[in-house]
PDB file of all heavy atoms in Angstrom:
ATOM      1  N   VAL A   1      -8.607  -6.705 -10.359  1.00  0.00           N
ATOM      2  CA  VAL A   1      -9.152  -7.322  -9.097  1.00  0.00           C
ATOM      3  C   VAL A   1      -8.911  -6.551  -7.979  1.00  0.00           C
ATOM      4  O   VAL A   1      -9.635  -6.507  -6.985  1.00  0.00           O
ATOM      5  CB  VAL A   1      -8.583  -8.734  -9.021  1.00  0.00           C
ATOM      6  CG1 VAL A   1      -7.153  -8.685  -8.709  1.00  0.00           C
ATOM      7  CG2 VAL A   1      -9.403  -9.603  -7.959  1.00  0.00           C
ATOM      8  N   ILE A   2      -7.859  -5.633  -7.949  1.00  0.00           N
ATOM      9  CA  ILE A   2      -7.628  -4.726  -6.854  1.00  0.00           C
ATOM     10  C   ILE A   2      -7.347  -3.371  -7.406  1.00  0.00           C
ATOM     11  O   ILE A   2      -6.481  -3.317  -8.389  1.00  0.00           O
ATOM     12  CB  ILE A   2      -6.368  -5.220  -5.979  1.00  0.00           C
ATOM     13  CG1 ILE A   2      -6.746  -6.436  -5.294  1.00  0.00           C
ATOM     14  CG2 ILE A   2      -5.972  -4.195  -4.906  1.00  0.00           C
ATOM     15  CD1 ILE A   2      -5.620  -7.038  -4.461  1.00  0.00           C
ATOM     16  N   LYS A   3      -7.958  -2.277  -7.010  1.00  0.00           N
ATOM     17  CA  LYS A   3      -7.691  -0.959  -7.389  1.00  0.00           C
ATOM     18  C   LYS A   3      -7.508  -0.121  -6.034  1.00  0.00           C
ATOM     19  O   LYS A   3      -8.432  -0.005  -5.186  1.00  0.00           O
ATOM     20  CB  LYS A   3      -8.857  -0.529  -8.256  1.00  0.00           C
ATOM     21  CG  LYS A   3      -8.569   0.896  -8.842  1.00  0.00           C
ATOM     22  CD  LYS A   3      -9.669   1.361  -9.845  1.00  0.00           C
ATOM     23  CE  LYS A   3      -9.227   2.680 -10.478  1.00  0.00           C
ATOM     24  NZ  LYS A   3     -10.412   3.090 -11.343  1.00  0.00           N
ATOM     25  N   VAL A   4      -6.312   0.490  -6.001  1.00  0.00           N
ATOM     26  CA  VAL A   4      -6.030   1.335  -4.843  1.00  0.00           C
ATOM     27  C   VAL A   4      -5.803   2.759  -5.389  1.00  0.00           C
ATOM     28  O   VAL A   4      -5.071   3.024  -6.408  1.00  0.00           O
ATOM     29  CB  VAL A   4      -4.817   0.889  -4.210  1.00  0.00           C
ATOM     30  CG1 VAL A   4      -4.358   1.672  -2.963  1.00  0.00           C
ATOM     31  CG2 VAL A   4      -4.827  -0.606  -3.672  1.00  0.00           C
ATOM     32  N   SER A   5      -6.526   3.769  -4.757  1.00  0.00           N
ATOM     33  CA  SER A   5      -6.470   5.137  -5.092  1.00  0.00           C
ATOM     34  C   SER A   5      -6.066   6.090  -4.024  1.00  0.00           C
ATOM     35  O   SER A   5      -6.958   6.106  -3.014  1.00  0.00           O
ATOM     36  CB  SER A   5      -7.812   5.621  -5.743  1.00  0.00           C
ATOM     37  OG  SER A   5      -8.177   4.604  -6.838  1.00  0.00           O
ATOM     38  N   ASP A   6      -4.962   6.685  -4.082  1.00  0.00           N
ATOM     39  CA  ASP A   6      -4.529   7.748  -3.213  1.00  0.00           C
ATOM     40  C   ASP A   6      -4.686   7.236  -1.585  1.00  0.00           C
ATOM     41  O   ASP A   6      -5.237   7.914  -0.877  1.00  0.00           O
ATOM     42  CB  ASP A   6      -5.445   9.026  -3.391  1.00  0.00           C
ATOM     43  CG  ASP A   6      -5.267   9.587  -4.737  1.00  0.00           C
ATOM     44  OD1 ASP A   6      -4.130   9.645  -5.119  1.00  0.00           O
ATOM     45  OD2 ASP A   6      -6.215  10.117  -5.231  1.00  0.00           O
ATOM     46  N   LEU A   7      -4.205   5.979  -1.514  1.00  0.00           N
ATOM     47  CA  LEU A   7      -4.282   5.520  -0.123  1.00  0.00           C
ATOM     48  C   LEU A   7      -3.340   5.960   0.775  1.00  0.00           C
ATOM     49  O   LEU A   7      -2.030   5.914   0.477  1.00  0.00           O
ATOM     50  CB  LEU A   7      -4.059   3.924  -0.241  1.00  0.00           C
ATOM     51  CG  LEU A   7      -4.028   3.097   1.157  1.00  0.00           C
ATOM     52  CD1 LEU A   7      -5.284   3.279   1.836  1.00  0.00           C
ATOM     53  CD2 LEU A   7      -3.642   1.724   0.868  1.00  0.00           C
ATOM     54  N   THR A   8      -3.644   6.591   1.953  1.00  0.00           N
ATOM     55  CA  THR A   8      -2.846   7.034   3.084  1.00  0.00           C
ATOM     56  C   THR A   8      -3.380   6.460   4.322  1.00  0.00           C
ATOM     57  O   THR A   8      -4.605   6.528   4.595  1.00  0.00           O
ATOM     58  CB  THR A   8      -2.806   8.492   3.176  1.00  0.00           C
ATOM     59  OG1 THR A   8      -2.185   9.016   1.983  1.00  0.00           O
ATOM     60  CG2 THR A   8      -1.924   8.946   4.335  1.00  0.00           C
ATOM     61  N   TYR A   9      -2.528   5.780   4.999  1.00  0.00           N
ATOM     62  CA  TYR A   9      -3.029   5.185   6.302  1.00  0.00           C
ATOM     63  C   TYR A   9      -2.218   5.465   7.576  1.00  0.00           C
ATOM     64  O   TYR A   9      -0.991   5.353   7.408  1.00  0.00           O
ATOM     65  CB  TYR A   9      -3.266   3.608   6.214  1.00  0.00           C
ATOM     66  CG  TYR A   9      -3.616   2.976   7.442  1.00  0.00           C
ATOM     67  CD1 TYR A   9      -4.927   3.093   8.048  1.00  0.00           C
ATOM     68  CD2 TYR A   9      -2.690   2.198   8.120  1.00  0.00           C
ATOM     69  CE1 TYR A   9      -5.247   2.473   9.233  1.00  0.00           C
ATOM     70  CE2 TYR A   9      -3.092   1.748   9.452  1.00  0.00           C
ATOM     71  CZ  TYR A   9      -4.382   1.829   9.889  1.00  0.00           C
ATOM     72  OH  TYR A   9      -4.700   1.157  11.158  1.00  0.00           O
ATOM     73  N   THR A  10      -2.719   5.742   8.618  1.00  0.00           N
ATOM     74  CA  THR A  10      -1.970   6.114   9.838  1.00  0.00           C
ATOM     75  C   THR A  10      -2.666   5.261  11.049  1.00  0.00           C
ATOM     76  O   THR A  10      -3.855   5.236  11.238  1.00  0.00           O
ATOM     77  CB  THR A  10      -2.118   7.642  10.298  1.00  0.00           C
ATOM     78  OG1 THR A  10      -1.770   8.416   9.183  1.00  0.00           O
ATOM     79  CG2 THR A  10      -1.171   7.973  11.512  1.00  0.00           C
ATOM     80  N   TYR A  11      -1.829   4.436  11.823  1.00  0.00           N
ATOM     81  CA  TYR A  11      -2.241   3.600  12.834  1.00  0.00           C
ATOM     82  C   TYR A  11      -2.623   4.573  13.983  1.00  0.00           C
ATOM     83  O   TYR A  11      -2.025   5.658  14.129  1.00  0.00           O
ATOM     84  CB  TYR A  11      -1.034   2.660  13.299  1.00  0.00           C
ATOM     85  CG  TYR A  11      -0.964   1.491  12.489  1.00  0.00           C
ATOM     86  CD1 TYR A  11       0.197   1.328  11.535  1.00  0.00           C
ATOM     87  CD2 TYR A  11      -1.722   0.354  12.557  1.00  0.00           C
ATOM     88  CE1 TYR A  11       0.360   0.239  10.764  1.00  0.00           C
ATOM     89  CE2 TYR A  11      -1.520  -0.789  11.814  1.00  0.00           C
ATOM     90  CZ  TYR A  11      -0.446  -0.729  10.887  1.00  0.00           C
ATOM     91  OH  TYR A  11      -0.321  -1.923  10.106  1.00  0.00           O
ATOM     92  N   LEU A  12      -3.597   3.973  14.854  1.00  0.00           N
ATOM     93  CA  LEU A  12      -3.989   4.712  16.022  1.00  0.00           C
ATOM     94  C   LEU A  12      -2.757   4.922  16.911  1.00  0.00           C
ATOM     95  O   LEU A  12      -2.029   4.136  17.105  1.00  0.00           O
ATOM     96  CB  LEU A  12      -5.067   3.849  16.736  1.00  0.00           C
ATOM     97  CG  LEU A  12      -6.512   3.780  16.163  1.00  0.00           C
ATOM     98  CD1 LEU A  12      -7.314   2.783  16.986  1.00  0.00           C
ATOM     99  CD2 LEU A  12      -7.053   5.155  16.312  1.00  0.00           C
ATOM    100  N   GLY A  13      -2.681   6.220  17.432  1.00  0.00           N
ATOM    101  CA  GLY A  13      -1.675   6.546  18.284  1.00  0.00           C
ATOM    102  C   GLY A  13      -0.356   6.907  17.498  1.00  0.00           C
ATOM    103  O   GLY A  13       0.644   7.330  18.089  1.00  0.00           O
ATOM    104  N   SER A  14      -0.361   6.715  16.236  1.00  0.00           N
ATOM    105  CA  SER A  14       0.920   7.093  15.535  1.00  0.00           C
ATOM    106  C   SER A  14       0.757   8.581  14.950  1.00  0.00           C
ATOM    107  O   SER A  14      -0.276   8.959  14.469  1.00  0.00           O
ATOM    108  CB  SER A  14       1.204   6.184  14.325  1.00  0.00           C
ATOM    109  OG  SER A  14       2.218   6.516  13.580  1.00  0.00           O
ATOM    110  N   GLU A  15       1.853   9.245  14.888  1.00  0.00           N
ATOM    111  CA  GLU A  15       1.803  10.681  14.351  1.00  0.00           C
ATOM    112  C   GLU A  15       2.126  10.734  12.823  1.00  0.00           C
ATOM    113  O   GLU A  15       1.572  11.584  12.130  1.00  0.00           O
ATOM    114  CB  GLU A  15       2.825  11.527  15.084  1.00  0.00           C
ATOM    115  CG  GLU A  15       2.555  11.741  16.529  1.00  0.00           C
ATOM    116  CD  GLU A  15       3.667  12.651  17.213  1.00  0.00           C
ATOM    117  OE1 GLU A  15       4.487  13.041  16.426  1.00  0.00           O
ATOM    118  OE2 GLU A  15       3.510  12.906  18.381  1.00  0.00           O
ATOM    119  N   LYS A  16       2.750   9.601  12.318  1.00  0.00           N
ATOM    120  CA  LYS A  16       3.165   9.695  10.983  1.00  0.00           C
ATOM    121  C   LYS A  16       2.458   8.517  10.139  1.00  0.00           C
ATOM    122  O   LYS A  16       2.290   7.394  10.770  1.00  0.00           O
ATOM    123  CB  LYS A  16       4.699   9.460  10.755  1.00  0.00           C
ATOM    124  CG  LYS A  16       5.468  10.510  11.333  1.00  0.00           C
ATOM    125  CD  LYS A  16       6.971  10.459  10.841  1.00  0.00           C
ATOM    126  CE  LYS A  16       7.484   9.080  11.331  1.00  0.00           C
ATOM    127  NZ  LYS A  16       9.031   8.933  10.872  1.00  0.00           N
ATOM    128  N   PRO A  17       1.954   8.746   8.940  1.00  0.00           N
ATOM    129  CA  PRO A  17       1.318   7.609   8.220  1.00  0.00           C
ATOM    130  C   PRO A  17       2.318   6.506   7.875  1.00  0.00           C
ATOM    131  O   PRO A  17       3.496   6.817   7.579  1.00  0.00           O
ATOM    132  CB  PRO A  17       0.805   8.494   6.856  1.00  0.00           C
ATOM    133  CG  PRO A  17       1.711   9.569   6.805  1.00  0.00           C
ATOM    134  CD  PRO A  17       2.077  10.022   8.150  1.00  0.00           C
ATOM    135  N   THR A  18       1.813   5.358   7.879  1.00  0.00           N
ATOM    136  CA  THR A  18       2.550   4.100   7.484  1.00  0.00           C
ATOM    137  C   THR A  18       2.542   3.949   5.996  1.00  0.00           C
ATOM    138  O   THR A  18       3.498   3.596   5.243  1.00  0.00           O
ATOM    139  CB  THR A  18       2.018   2.892   8.256  1.00  0.00           C
ATOM    140  OG1 THR A  18       2.155   3.145   9.597  1.00  0.00           O
ATOM    141  CG2 THR A  18       2.889   1.688   7.773  1.00  0.00           C
ATOM    142  N   LEU A  19       1.471   4.292   5.309  1.00  0.00           N
ATOM    143  CA  LEU A  19       1.176   4.286   3.892  1.00  0.00           C
ATOM    144  C   LEU A  19       0.912   5.736   3.441  1.00  0.00           C
ATOM    145  O   LEU A  19       0.135   6.466   4.039  1.00  0.00           O
ATOM    146  CB  LEU A  19       0.031   3.341   3.488  1.00  0.00           C
ATOM    147  CG  LEU A  19       0.213   1.960   4.059  1.00  0.00           C
ATOM    148  CD1 LEU A  19      -1.007   1.128   3.611  1.00  0.00           C
ATOM    149  CD2 LEU A  19       1.372   1.300   3.392  1.00  0.00           C
ATOM    150  N   LYS A  20       1.474   6.135   2.302  1.00  0.00           N
ATOM    151  CA  LYS A  20       1.365   7.491   1.835  1.00  0.00           C
ATOM    152  C   LYS A  20       0.965   7.485   0.270  1.00  0.00           C
ATOM    153  O   LYS A  20       1.776   7.230  -0.596  1.00  0.00           O
ATOM    154  CB  LYS A  20       2.712   8.125   2.007  1.00  0.00           C
ATOM    155  CG  LYS A  20       3.314   8.165   3.501  1.00  0.00           C
ATOM    156  CD  LYS A  20       4.801   8.579   3.454  1.00  0.00           C
ATOM    157  CE  LYS A  20       5.383   8.315   4.743  1.00  0.00           C
ATOM    158  NZ  LYS A  20       6.780   8.815   4.684  1.00  0.00           N
ATOM    159  N   GLU A  21      -0.197   8.062   0.115  1.00  0.00           N
ATOM    160  CA  GLU A  21      -0.665   8.338  -1.346  1.00  0.00           C
ATOM    161  C   GLU A  21      -0.191   7.152  -2.291  1.00  0.00           C
ATOM    162  O   GLU A  21       0.206   7.506  -3.389  1.00  0.00           O
ATOM    163  CB  GLU A  21       0.022   9.608  -1.540  1.00  0.00           C
ATOM    164  CG  GLU A  21      -0.520  10.810  -0.818  1.00  0.00           C
ATOM    165  CD  GLU A  21      -0.019  12.153  -1.275  1.00  0.00           C
ATOM    166  OE1 GLU A  21       0.879  12.160  -2.067  1.00  0.00           O
ATOM    167  OE2 GLU A  21      -0.406  13.189  -0.657  1.00  0.00           O
ATOM    168  N   ILE A  22      -0.673   5.953  -1.974  1.00  0.00           N
ATOM    169  CA  ILE A  22      -0.473   4.871  -2.856  1.00  0.00           C
ATOM    170  C   ILE A  22      -1.712   4.696  -3.912  1.00  0.00           C
ATOM    171  O   ILE A  22      -2.774   4.709  -3.385  1.00  0.00           O
ATOM    172  CB  ILE A  22      -0.365   3.522  -2.054  1.00  0.00           C
ATOM    173  CG1 ILE A  22       0.974   3.579  -1.200  1.00  0.00           C
ATOM    174  CG2 ILE A  22      -0.205   2.336  -3.070  1.00  0.00           C
ATOM    175  CD1 ILE A  22       1.267   2.409  -0.360  1.00  0.00           C
ATOM    176  N   SER A  23      -1.309   4.591  -5.166  1.00  0.00           N
ATOM    177  CA  SER A  23      -2.252   4.194  -6.175  1.00  0.00           C
ATOM    178  C   SER A  23      -1.701   3.020  -6.893  1.00  0.00           C
ATOM    179  O   SER A  23      -0.515   2.982  -7.242  1.00  0.00           O
ATOM    180  CB  SER A  23      -2.544   5.434  -7.131  1.00  0.00           C
ATOM    181  OG  SER A  23      -3.178   6.493  -6.495  1.00  0.00           O
ATOM    182  N   LEU A  24      -2.599   2.093  -7.190  1.00  0.00           N
ATOM    183  CA  LEU A  24      -2.093   0.818  -7.744  1.00  0.00           C
ATOM    184  C   LEU A  24      -3.300   0.035  -8.362  1.00  0.00           C
ATOM    185  O   LEU A  24      -4.369   0.010  -7.790  1.00  0.00           O
ATOM    186  CB  LEU A  24      -1.487  -0.007  -6.703  1.00  0.00           C
ATOM    187  CG  LEU A  24      -1.001  -1.454  -6.984  1.00  0.00           C
ATOM    188  CD1 LEU A  24       0.166  -1.467  -8.010  1.00  0.00           C
ATOM    189  CD2 LEU A  24      -0.670  -2.327  -5.860  1.00  0.00           C
ATOM    190  N   VAL A  25      -3.092  -0.617  -9.431  1.00  0.00           N
ATOM    191  CA  VAL A  25      -3.997  -1.576 -10.088  1.00  0.00           C
ATOM    192  C   VAL A  25      -3.417  -2.947 -10.230  1.00  0.00           C
ATOM    193  O   VAL A  25      -2.231  -3.025 -10.741  1.00  0.00           O
ATOM    194  CB  VAL A  25      -4.617  -1.017 -11.351  1.00  0.00           C
ATOM    195  CG1 VAL A  25      -5.427  -2.072 -11.986  1.00  0.00           C
ATOM    196  CG2 VAL A  25      -5.354   0.283 -11.263  1.00  0.00           C
ATOM    197  N   ILE A  26      -4.055  -3.955  -9.668  1.00  0.00           N
ATOM    198  CA  ILE A  26      -3.526  -5.262  -9.917  1.00  0.00           C
ATOM    199  C   ILE A  26      -4.491  -6.080 -10.704  1.00  0.00           C
ATOM    200  O   ILE A  26      -5.754  -6.235 -10.279  1.00  0.00           O
ATOM    201  CB  ILE A  26      -3.315  -6.003  -8.589  1.00  0.00           C
ATOM    202  CG1 ILE A  26      -2.157  -5.287  -7.795  1.00  0.00           C
ATOM    203  CG2 ILE A  26      -2.949  -7.562  -8.768  1.00  0.00           C
ATOM    204  CD1 ILE A  26      -1.856  -5.981  -6.475  1.00  0.00           C
ATOM    205  N   GLU A  27      -4.043  -6.648 -11.783  1.00  0.00           N
ATOM    206  CA  GLU A  27      -5.094  -7.365 -12.712  1.00  0.00           C
ATOM    207  C   GLU A  27      -5.302  -8.771 -12.248  1.00  0.00           C
ATOM    208  O   GLU A  27      -4.511  -9.472 -11.595  1.00  0.00           O
ATOM    209  CB  GLU A  27      -4.506  -7.328 -14.115  1.00  0.00           C
ATOM    210  CG  GLU A  27      -4.096  -5.903 -14.719  1.00  0.00           C
ATOM    211  CD  GLU A  27      -5.330  -5.002 -14.935  1.00  0.00           C
ATOM    212  OE1 GLU A  27      -6.586  -5.723 -14.998  1.00  0.00           O
ATOM    213  OE2 GLU A  27      -5.321  -3.898 -15.040  1.00  0.00           O
ATOM    214  N   LYS A  28      -6.433  -9.236 -12.613  1.00  0.00           N
ATOM    215  CA  LYS A  28      -6.754 -10.647 -12.322  1.00  0.00           C
ATOM    216  C   LYS A  28      -5.784 -11.650 -12.935  1.00  0.00           C
ATOM    217  O   LYS A  28      -5.382 -11.489 -14.040  1.00  0.00           O
ATOM    218  CB  LYS A  28      -8.222 -11.022 -12.973  1.00  0.00           C
ATOM    219  CG  LYS A  28      -8.654 -12.414 -12.551  1.00  0.00           C
ATOM    220  CD  LYS A  28     -10.096 -12.701 -13.017  1.00  0.00           C
ATOM    221  CE  LYS A  28     -10.558 -14.109 -12.817  1.00  0.00           C
ATOM    222  NZ  LYS A  28     -10.456 -14.495 -11.470  1.00  0.00           N
ATOM    223  N   GLY A  29      -5.220 -12.547 -12.104  1.00  0.00           N
ATOM    224  CA  GLY A  29      -4.318 -13.509 -12.668  1.00  0.00           C
ATOM    225  C   GLY A  29      -2.901 -13.242 -12.530  1.00  0.00           C
ATOM    226  O   GLY A  29      -2.045 -14.025 -12.894  1.00  0.00           O
ATOM    227  N   GLU A  30      -2.598 -11.983 -12.033  1.00  0.00           N
ATOM    228  CA  GLU A  30      -1.137 -11.598 -11.880  1.00  0.00           C
ATOM    229  C   GLU A  30      -0.616 -12.458 -10.714  1.00  0.00           C
ATOM    230  O   GLU A  30      -1.116 -12.733  -9.765  1.00  0.00           O
ATOM    231  CB  GLU A  30      -1.018 -10.070 -11.612  1.00  0.00           C
ATOM    232  CG  GLU A  30      -1.130  -9.224 -12.854  1.00  0.00           C
ATOM    233  CD  GLU A  30      -0.614  -7.857 -12.591  1.00  0.00           C
ATOM    234  OE1 GLU A  30      -1.383  -6.989 -12.144  1.00  0.00           O
ATOM    235  OE2 GLU A  30       0.502  -7.601 -12.850  1.00  0.00           O
ATOM    236  N   PHE A  31       0.718 -12.546 -10.870  1.00  0.00           N
ATOM    237  CA  PHE A  31       1.691 -13.040  -9.608  1.00  0.00           C
ATOM    238  C   PHE A  31       2.469 -11.968  -9.207  1.00  0.00           C
ATOM    239  O   PHE A  31       3.521 -11.649  -9.986  1.00  0.00           O
ATOM    240  CB  PHE A  31       2.422 -14.296 -10.127  1.00  0.00           C
ATOM    241  CG  PHE A  31       3.068 -15.057  -9.004  1.00  0.00           C
ATOM    242  CD1 PHE A  31       2.808 -16.509  -8.793  1.00  0.00           C
ATOM    243  CD2 PHE A  31       3.905 -14.367  -8.134  1.00  0.00           C
ATOM    244  CE1 PHE A  31       3.383 -17.055  -7.691  1.00  0.00           C
ATOM    245  CE2 PHE A  31       4.420 -15.083  -6.997  1.00  0.00           C
ATOM    246  CZ  PHE A  31       4.259 -16.462  -6.858  1.00  0.00           C
ATOM    247  N   VAL A  32       2.229 -11.255  -8.161  1.00  0.00           N
ATOM    248  CA  VAL A  32       2.930 -10.142  -7.866  1.00  0.00           C
ATOM    249  C   VAL A  32       3.777 -10.354  -6.556  1.00  0.00           C
ATOM    250  O   VAL A  32       3.317 -11.071  -5.570  1.00  0.00           O
ATOM    251  CB  VAL A  32       1.975  -8.913  -7.469  1.00  0.00           C
ATOM    252  CG1 VAL A  32       2.760  -7.705  -6.989  1.00  0.00           C
ATOM    253  CG2 VAL A  32       1.076  -8.610  -8.487  1.00  0.00           C
ATOM    254  N   VAL A  33       5.100 -10.061  -6.630  1.00  0.00           N
ATOM    255  CA  VAL A  33       5.954 -10.105  -5.619  1.00  0.00           C
ATOM    256  C   VAL A  33       6.072  -8.695  -4.929  1.00  0.00           C
ATOM    257  O   VAL A  33       6.467  -7.717  -5.678  1.00  0.00           O
ATOM    258  CB  VAL A  33       7.369 -10.686  -5.895  1.00  0.00           C
ATOM    259  CG1 VAL A  33       8.366 -10.440  -4.682  1.00  0.00           C
ATOM    260  CG2 VAL A  33       7.381 -12.069  -6.177  1.00  0.00           C
ATOM    261  N   LEU A  34       5.733  -8.509  -3.766  1.00  0.00           N
ATOM    262  CA  LEU A  34       5.836  -7.269  -3.035  1.00  0.00           C
ATOM    263  C   LEU A  34       7.002  -7.343  -2.007  1.00  0.00           C
ATOM    264  O   LEU A  34       7.107  -8.175  -1.105  1.00  0.00           O
ATOM    265  CB  LEU A  34       4.600  -7.022  -2.344  1.00  0.00           C
ATOM    266  CG  LEU A  34       4.456  -5.697  -1.406  1.00  0.00           C
ATOM    267  CD1 LEU A  34       4.542  -4.517  -2.335  1.00  0.00           C
ATOM    268  CD2 LEU A  34       3.114  -5.714  -0.635  1.00  0.00           C
ATOM    269  N   THR A  35       7.981  -6.439  -2.311  1.00  0.00           N
ATOM    270  CA  THR A  35       9.159  -6.513  -1.434  1.00  0.00           C
ATOM    271  C   THR A  35       9.680  -5.008  -1.040  1.00  0.00           C
ATOM    272  O   THR A  35       8.895  -4.040  -1.510  1.00  0.00           O
ATOM    273  CB  THR A  35      10.441  -7.293  -2.193  1.00  0.00           C
ATOM    274  OG1 THR A  35      11.517  -7.482  -1.356  1.00  0.00           O
ATOM    275  CG2 THR A  35      10.775  -6.365  -3.358  1.00  0.00           C
ATOM    276  N   GLY A  36      10.694  -4.944  -0.216  1.00  0.00           N
ATOM    277  CA  GLY A  36      11.195  -3.712   0.215  1.00  0.00           C
ATOM    278  C   GLY A  36      11.848  -3.767   1.567  1.00  0.00           C
ATOM    279  O   GLY A  36      11.691  -4.898   2.179  1.00  0.00           O
ATOM    280  N   PRO A  37      12.586  -2.853   2.147  1.00  0.00           N
ATOM    281  CA  PRO A  37      13.179  -2.797   3.355  1.00  0.00           C
ATOM    282  C   PRO A  37      12.155  -3.215   4.443  1.00  0.00           C
ATOM    283  O   PRO A  37      11.027  -2.887   4.298  1.00  0.00           O
ATOM    284  CB  PRO A  37      13.851  -1.503   3.532  1.00  0.00           C
ATOM    285  CG  PRO A  37      13.873  -0.967   2.097  1.00  0.00           C
ATOM    286  CD  PRO A  37      12.740  -1.504   1.353  1.00  0.00           C
ATOM    287  N   SER A  38      12.725  -3.781   5.672  1.00  0.00           N
ATOM    288  CA  SER A  38      11.880  -4.023   6.778  1.00  0.00           C
ATOM    289  C   SER A  38      11.261  -2.692   7.241  1.00  0.00           C
ATOM    290  O   SER A  38      11.975  -1.720   7.290  1.00  0.00           O
ATOM    291  CB  SER A  38      12.724  -4.631   7.841  1.00  0.00           C
ATOM    292  OG  SER A  38      13.142  -5.902   7.519  1.00  0.00           O
ATOM    293  N   GLY A  39      10.009  -2.643   7.622  1.00  0.00           N
ATOM    294  CA  GLY A  39       9.303  -1.549   8.182  1.00  0.00           C
ATOM    295  C   GLY A  39       8.925  -0.555   7.051  1.00  0.00           C
ATOM    296  O   GLY A  39       8.422   0.575   7.302  1.00  0.00           O
ATOM    297  N   CYS A  40       8.873  -0.910   5.703  1.00  0.00           N
ATOM    298  CA  CYS A  40       8.418   0.008   4.691  1.00  0.00           C
ATOM    299  C   CYS A  40       6.953   0.066   4.396  1.00  0.00           C
ATOM    300  O   CYS A  40       6.481   0.893   3.678  1.00  0.00           O
ATOM    301  CB  CYS A  40       9.186  -0.346   3.514  1.00  0.00           C
ATOM    302  SG  CYS A  40       8.658  -1.819   2.636  1.00  0.00           S
TER     303      CYS A  40
END
């Protein structure tokens, strides 16, 4: 239901990307917990 390929994203005015080369597939009906340190 979601397919992410080589995602890199940088906010306007920022020099460093917030997201770096993310690839991910989420299947229909999954229950996904997304966690990690603050600011990740």
